[in-house]
Each structure stands twice: as structure tokens, then as C-alpha cells.
Amino acid sequence: MITKELLDKYYSQTFDTERFKANDPCGAVYQLMEHTDRQLDIEIGALLVAMISWGSRKVICPTAVRMLRDEMQWHPADFILSGKYENCYKNAKNDCVYRTLNVPTFKQVCRSIHEALRGHETMEELFEGLPTKEVVECLCQWLAPARVGTMDKSACKRVCMFVRWMTRTSEPDLGIWKSRPQHDLYAVMDTHVLQLTQSILKNKRPTWKACEELTEIFKLWDAEDPLKYDIALMTMADHPIS
């Protein structure tokens, strides 16, 4: 059974930052940051990496790096704002970017992001003052062609993960959104997390209600940094209890 004490132990004793980054999609964003310190580069790059973060991490991570390096030349902001996405993935096999995400759909997403960012220097500025729930809802709309989920049908896992990357101040997260409080984040709910937390949840399906329920439990356990328990659960998934 999942308990606060058990997850505290995983977070403090088992979690290894460098190993985590080496095997998690966020590692691709850290590679991006070796080539640019422009905030909008990092925000756009991270959002698109999060968008393709479903399936095997062994496939996600190299796919994300190829996207950032080969298609965007490590400058996602220029890729979006200058419209270079219209000529991307020319050599994509079967018009595929990743799994069921094809090139036309990827371009639709890029156009959506381009339009949303008009007149704004950063995503942080665009979302300033909005509750995190509204930020998640907005990002789901941007990424709608890629079917990342909506609050009425899913837990919006990939978008919640992106917002955690941007906001939470402890590694493996980036903490570049200084104006947003990390205690207002939402749990990153996927099927693996749901399986691990069945014993403490009333909602047994990966829905937004389950996400909110788990988030409230995390907040009771740590009001300042509730999403450290996301990291603990992911560590537990990789290193199950014997």
C-alpha cells in the first residue's frame, strides 16, 4: 500500500537525478539547454517533447533529441516563429513523426503554438496570473490535433508533466517559470501511476478527477512541494518494492 512514508523513502534514498534524466524525456530538454538559454526555446522545445512522451522511454528520448537537433537545430523558438515547421520532416518515413503522430498533424500543432504566441516573449508571460488548471486547459487546446487529452476525458498527463518541468524548482524539473508557485501543480497521472495508487484513490480510472484527487493527497503530504511524490512514484515504478 502506498503511504507518505514509503514515498518519502523512495524520494530521499532511491531517486538518482542523473540516472533519471538519462532515461526520461526531460533529458532531451536538458540537452537542448546545452545549446540555448533563450526561455522561449526551452518552453517550446519542452512542450513538443512532452507532446510525444507516450510509449517506451527508450524510443521517446532519441526521437525527442532528433526532433530538437535535426528539425529545429536546437532553436525551437525560431523554428516556430519563423514558420520553418512548414518544411520540416521532409524525409520522414511514411510521413511519421512518432508513432501515430504524422507530419501534417505536427505542423497543425506548430501553427497553433505560433498563433497563440503572437505578441508574447515567453509562455510564462502569456500565462501570468492564470491558475494552473487554466494553463493546462489552454495547452491541451494548443496540442489538440495531437490528441494529448482534455479534462473531460483524461488526466492530461503530458501537459501536466510539461507544467511540472517548467515550474517545480528541484531536479529533474527545470523551474524556469519563476512567477508560478509549485504548490499549485497537478499530479502527472498515467496508467502506471494509477496502478501504483489504486489503494489510496476513490477514482480508479486515469481521469481528471483522479488527477485532482491524487494532487490533493500529495498536498496533504507536502503543501510546498507536492509533486515530489510524482518523482517518487516514477522511481518506484522503475525500482519496485521486493
Protein backbone atom coordinates (compact mmCIF):
# COMPACT_ATOMS: atom_id res chain seq x y z
CA MET A 1 0.00 0.00 0.00
CA ILE A 2 1.26 3.47 -0.93
CA THR A 3 1.99 5.70 2.04
CA LYS A 4 3.64 9.06 2.57
CA GLU A 5 6.45 7.39 4.49
CA LEU A 6 7.13 4.91 1.70
CA LEU A 7 7.27 7.59 -0.99
CA ASP A 8 9.41 9.85 1.18
CA LYS A 9 11.86 6.97 1.42
CA TYR A 10 11.91 6.46 -2.35
CA TYR A 11 12.40 10.18 -2.95
CA SER A 12 15.18 10.66 -0.42
CA GLN A 13 17.03 7.34 -0.72
CA THR A 14 16.38 5.79 -4.15
CA PHE A 15 15.90 8.71 -6.54
CA ASP A 16 19.02 9.45 -8.60
CA THR A 17 18.79 12.72 -10.56
CA GLU A 18 21.36 11.92 -13.25
CA ARG A 19 20.06 8.41 -13.87
CA PHE A 20 16.53 9.78 -14.08
CA LYS A 21 17.48 12.46 -16.64
CA ALA A 22 19.39 9.88 -18.69
CA ASN A 23 16.26 7.77 -19.10
CA ASP A 24 13.42 10.29 -19.05
CA PRO A 25 12.15 12.63 -21.80
CA CYS A 26 13.19 15.61 -19.68
CA GLY A 27 16.77 14.59 -20.50
CA ALA A 28 16.19 15.78 -24.08
CA VAL A 29 15.25 19.19 -22.72
CA TYR A 30 18.47 19.28 -20.69
CA GLN A 31 20.35 18.55 -23.91
CA LEU A 32 18.50 21.46 -25.54
CA MET A 33 19.64 23.74 -22.71
CA GLU A 34 23.25 22.96 -23.58
CA HIS A 35 22.65 24.77 -26.90
CA THR A 36 20.40 27.68 -25.91
CA ASP A 37 19.44 29.69 -22.86
CA ARG A 38 16.55 31.51 -24.53
CA GLN A 39 13.48 30.87 -22.41
CA LEU A 40 11.10 30.52 -25.35
CA ASP A 41 13.42 27.92 -26.93
CA ILE A 42 13.24 25.88 -23.76
CA GLU A 43 9.47 26.32 -23.33
CA ILE A 44 8.58 25.35 -26.91
CA GLY A 45 11.12 22.53 -27.04
CA ALA A 46 9.90 21.10 -23.74
CA LEU A 47 6.25 21.34 -24.78
CA LEU A 48 6.87 19.43 -28.00
CA VAL A 49 8.96 16.83 -26.17
CA ALA A 50 6.14 16.39 -23.66
CA MET A 51 3.67 16.06 -26.54
CA ILE A 52 5.46 12.95 -27.85
CA SER A 53 6.03 11.47 -24.39
CA TRP A 54 3.90 8.37 -24.55
CA GLY A 55 5.03 4.81 -25.08
CA SER A 56 8.52 3.49 -24.41
CA ARG A 57 11.02 5.97 -22.98
CA LYS A 58 13.73 4.12 -24.91
CA VAL A 59 12.03 5.32 -28.10
CA ILE A 60 10.73 8.69 -26.87
CA CYS A 61 14.11 10.03 -25.80
CA PRO A 62 16.07 9.57 -29.07
CA THR A 63 13.04 10.70 -31.08
CA ALA A 64 12.86 13.89 -29.00
CA VAL A 65 16.57 14.59 -29.45
CA ARG A 66 16.32 14.08 -33.22
CA MET A 67 13.38 16.48 -33.35
CA LEU A 68 15.23 19.20 -31.41
CA ARG A 69 18.56 18.68 -33.19
CA ASP A 70 17.73 17.72 -36.76
CA GLU A 71 14.46 19.57 -37.37
CA MET A 72 14.92 22.61 -35.10
CA GLN A 73 18.74 22.92 -34.97
CA TRP A 74 18.37 23.38 -31.19
CA HIS A 75 16.32 26.59 -31.65
CA PRO A 76 12.62 25.72 -31.31
CA ALA A 77 11.52 29.36 -30.95
CA ASP A 78 12.93 30.30 -34.35
CA PHE A 79 11.52 27.06 -35.79
CA ILE A 80 8.01 28.12 -34.71
CA LEU A 81 8.09 31.91 -35.03
CA SER A 82 9.69 31.96 -38.48
CA GLY A 83 7.39 29.25 -39.84
CA LYS A 84 10.21 26.79 -40.56
CA TYR A 85 7.91 23.99 -39.40
CA GLU A 86 6.15 24.19 -42.77
CA ASN A 87 9.18 22.49 -44.34
CA CYS A 88 10.03 20.05 -41.56
CA TYR A 89 10.33 16.27 -41.63
CA LYS A 90 10.80 16.15 -45.41
CA ASN A 91 12.46 12.74 -45.15
CA ALA A 92 10.09 11.25 -42.60
CA LYS A 93 9.36 7.60 -43.34
CA ASN A 94 5.65 7.12 -44.05
CA ASP A 95 5.10 10.77 -43.05
CA CYS A 96 5.56 9.75 -39.43
CA VAL A 97 7.00 11.93 -36.66
CA TYR A 98 6.41 9.49 -33.81
CA ARG A 99 4.03 6.54 -33.53
CA THR A 100 0.57 7.81 -34.60
CA LEU A 101 1.71 11.45 -34.85
CA ASN A 102 2.15 12.25 -38.53
CA VAL A 103 3.81 15.24 -40.19
CA PRO A 104 0.61 17.12 -41.16
CA THR A 105 -0.66 16.87 -37.57
CA PHE A 106 2.69 18.02 -36.20
CA LYS A 107 2.51 21.07 -38.46
CA GLN A 108 -1.02 21.79 -37.23
CA VAL A 109 0.28 21.84 -33.66
CA CYS A 110 3.14 24.15 -34.64
CA ARG A 111 0.70 26.56 -36.31
CA SER A 112 -1.44 26.52 -33.17
CA ILE A 113 1.56 27.37 -30.97
CA HIS A 114 2.70 30.05 -33.43
CA GLU A 115 -0.70 31.74 -33.37
CA ALA A 116 -1.01 31.53 -29.57
CA LEU A 117 2.39 33.13 -29.01
CA ARG A 118 1.82 36.20 -31.20
CA GLY A 119 2.78 39.30 -29.22
CA HIS A 120 4.38 37.37 -26.36
CA GLU A 121 8.04 36.91 -25.50
CA THR A 122 7.56 33.77 -23.40
CA MET A 123 4.87 31.30 -22.43
CA GLU A 124 5.40 32.32 -18.81
CA GLU A 125 4.39 35.88 -19.69
CA LEU A 126 1.39 34.65 -21.65
CA PHE A 127 0.12 32.57 -18.72
CA GLU A 128 0.98 35.02 -15.95
CA GLY A 129 -1.82 35.26 -13.39
CA LEU A 130 -3.75 32.26 -14.71
CA PRO A 131 -4.49 29.36 -12.32
CA THR A 132 -2.56 26.24 -13.27
CA LYS A 133 -5.77 24.41 -14.16
CA GLU A 134 -6.50 27.05 -16.83
CA VAL A 135 -2.92 26.80 -18.12
CA VAL A 136 -3.35 23.04 -18.52
CA GLU A 137 -6.65 23.53 -20.30
CA CYS A 138 -5.12 26.11 -22.65
CA LEU A 139 -2.13 23.91 -23.52
CA CYS A 140 -4.43 20.96 -24.20
CA GLN A 141 -6.19 23.16 -26.76
CA TRP A 142 -2.88 24.11 -28.39
CA LEU A 143 -1.94 20.45 -28.69
CA ALA A 144 -5.43 19.21 -29.56
CA PRO A 145 -4.50 17.95 -33.07
CA ALA A 146 -2.01 15.57 -31.41
CA ARG A 147 -4.71 14.23 -29.09
CA VAL A 148 -2.98 14.82 -25.78
CA GLY A 149 -6.32 14.64 -23.99
CA THR A 150 -8.87 17.01 -22.50
CA MET A 151 -10.07 17.44 -18.92
CA ASP A 152 -13.46 15.90 -19.67
CA LYS A 153 -11.90 12.66 -20.94
CA SER A 154 -8.38 12.24 -19.50
CA ALA A 155 -5.89 13.26 -16.83
CA CYS A 156 -3.92 15.40 -19.33
CA LYS A 157 -0.74 13.63 -18.24
CA ARG A 158 1.66 15.04 -20.82
CA VAL A 159 0.57 18.64 -20.30
CA CYS A 160 0.72 18.33 -16.50
CA MET A 161 4.22 16.90 -16.88
CA PHE A 162 5.30 19.87 -19.01
CA VAL A 163 3.94 22.35 -16.47
CA ARG A 164 5.77 20.46 -13.73
CA TRP A 165 9.02 20.65 -15.72
CA MET A 166 8.61 24.41 -16.13
CA THR A 167 7.54 25.20 -12.57
CA ARG A 168 8.97 22.82 -9.99
CA THR A 169 12.33 24.10 -8.72
CA SER A 170 14.07 20.83 -7.81
CA GLU A 171 15.70 18.49 -10.34
CA PRO A 172 14.83 16.74 -12.55
CA ASP A 173 12.46 19.67 -13.17
CA LEU A 174 13.67 22.97 -14.66
CA GLY A 175 11.91 25.63 -12.59
CA ILE A 176 12.14 28.38 -15.20
CA TRP A 177 8.63 29.73 -14.55
CA LYS A 178 9.57 31.79 -11.51
CA SER A 179 6.18 33.52 -11.32
CA ARG A 180 4.19 30.29 -10.85
CA PRO A 181 4.01 28.50 -7.46
CA GLN A 182 4.99 24.84 -7.44
CA HIS A 183 2.34 24.08 -4.82
CA ASP A 184 -0.31 24.77 -7.49
CA LEU A 185 0.79 21.93 -9.80
CA TYR A 186 -1.23 18.84 -10.72
CA ALA A 187 -0.16 15.22 -10.46
CA VAL A 188 1.15 13.50 -13.59
CA MET A 189 -1.41 10.72 -13.84
CA ASP A 190 -0.82 7.84 -16.25
CA THR A 191 -1.76 4.16 -16.16
CA HIS A 192 1.39 3.20 -14.22
CA VAL A 193 0.78 5.86 -11.58
CA LEU A 194 -2.86 4.81 -11.39
CA GLN A 195 -1.88 1.18 -10.81
CA LEU A 196 0.50 2.17 -8.02
CA THR A 197 -2.02 4.43 -6.29
CA GLN A 198 -5.16 2.29 -6.51
CA SER A 199 -5.09 1.71 -2.76
CA ILE A 200 -5.42 5.42 -1.92
CA LEU A 201 -7.75 6.63 -4.71
CA LYS A 202 -11.51 6.51 -4.96
CA ASN A 203 -11.37 7.28 -8.68
CA LYS A 204 -9.95 4.17 -10.34
CA ARG A 205 -9.56 5.41 -13.90
CA PRO A 206 -6.99 7.86 -15.37
CA THR A 207 -9.35 10.86 -15.44
CA TRP A 208 -9.00 14.49 -14.41
CA LYS A 209 -10.98 13.68 -11.25
CA ALA A 210 -8.37 11.06 -10.35
CA CYS A 211 -5.63 13.58 -11.10
CA GLU A 212 -7.24 16.14 -8.79
CA GLU A 213 -7.77 13.53 -6.08
CA LEU A 214 -4.15 12.39 -6.15
CA THR A 215 -2.97 16.01 -6.22
CA GLU A 216 -4.93 16.77 -3.03
CA ILE A 217 -3.34 13.76 -1.32
CA PHE A 218 0.11 14.97 -2.37
CA LYS A 219 -0.68 18.43 -0.99
CA LEU A 220 -1.67 16.95 2.36
CA TRP A 221 1.68 15.16 2.45
CA ASP A 222 3.75 18.19 1.41
CA ALA A 223 2.00 21.53 0.93
CA GLU A 224 5.08 23.27 -0.50
CA ASP A 225 6.36 20.62 -2.94
CA PRO A 226 3.53 18.13 -3.53
CA LEU A 227 4.84 16.88 -6.86
CA LYS A 228 8.00 15.42 -5.38
CA TYR A 229 5.71 12.42 -4.91
CA ASP A 230 5.34 12.22 -8.71
CA ILE A 231 9.08 11.68 -8.85
CA ALA A 232 8.91 9.13 -6.03
CA LEU A 233 6.19 7.17 -7.85
CA MET A 234 8.20 7.13 -11.07
CA THR A 235 11.22 5.94 -9.12
CA MET A 236 9.10 3.23 -7.54
CA ALA A 237 7.84 2.14 -10.97
CA ASP A 238 11.45 1.70 -12.11
CA HIS A 239 12.55 0.04 -8.86
CA PRO A 240 9.59 -1.94 -7.49
CA ILE A 241 9.39 -2.99 -3.89
CA SER A 242 10.70 -6.52 -3.45
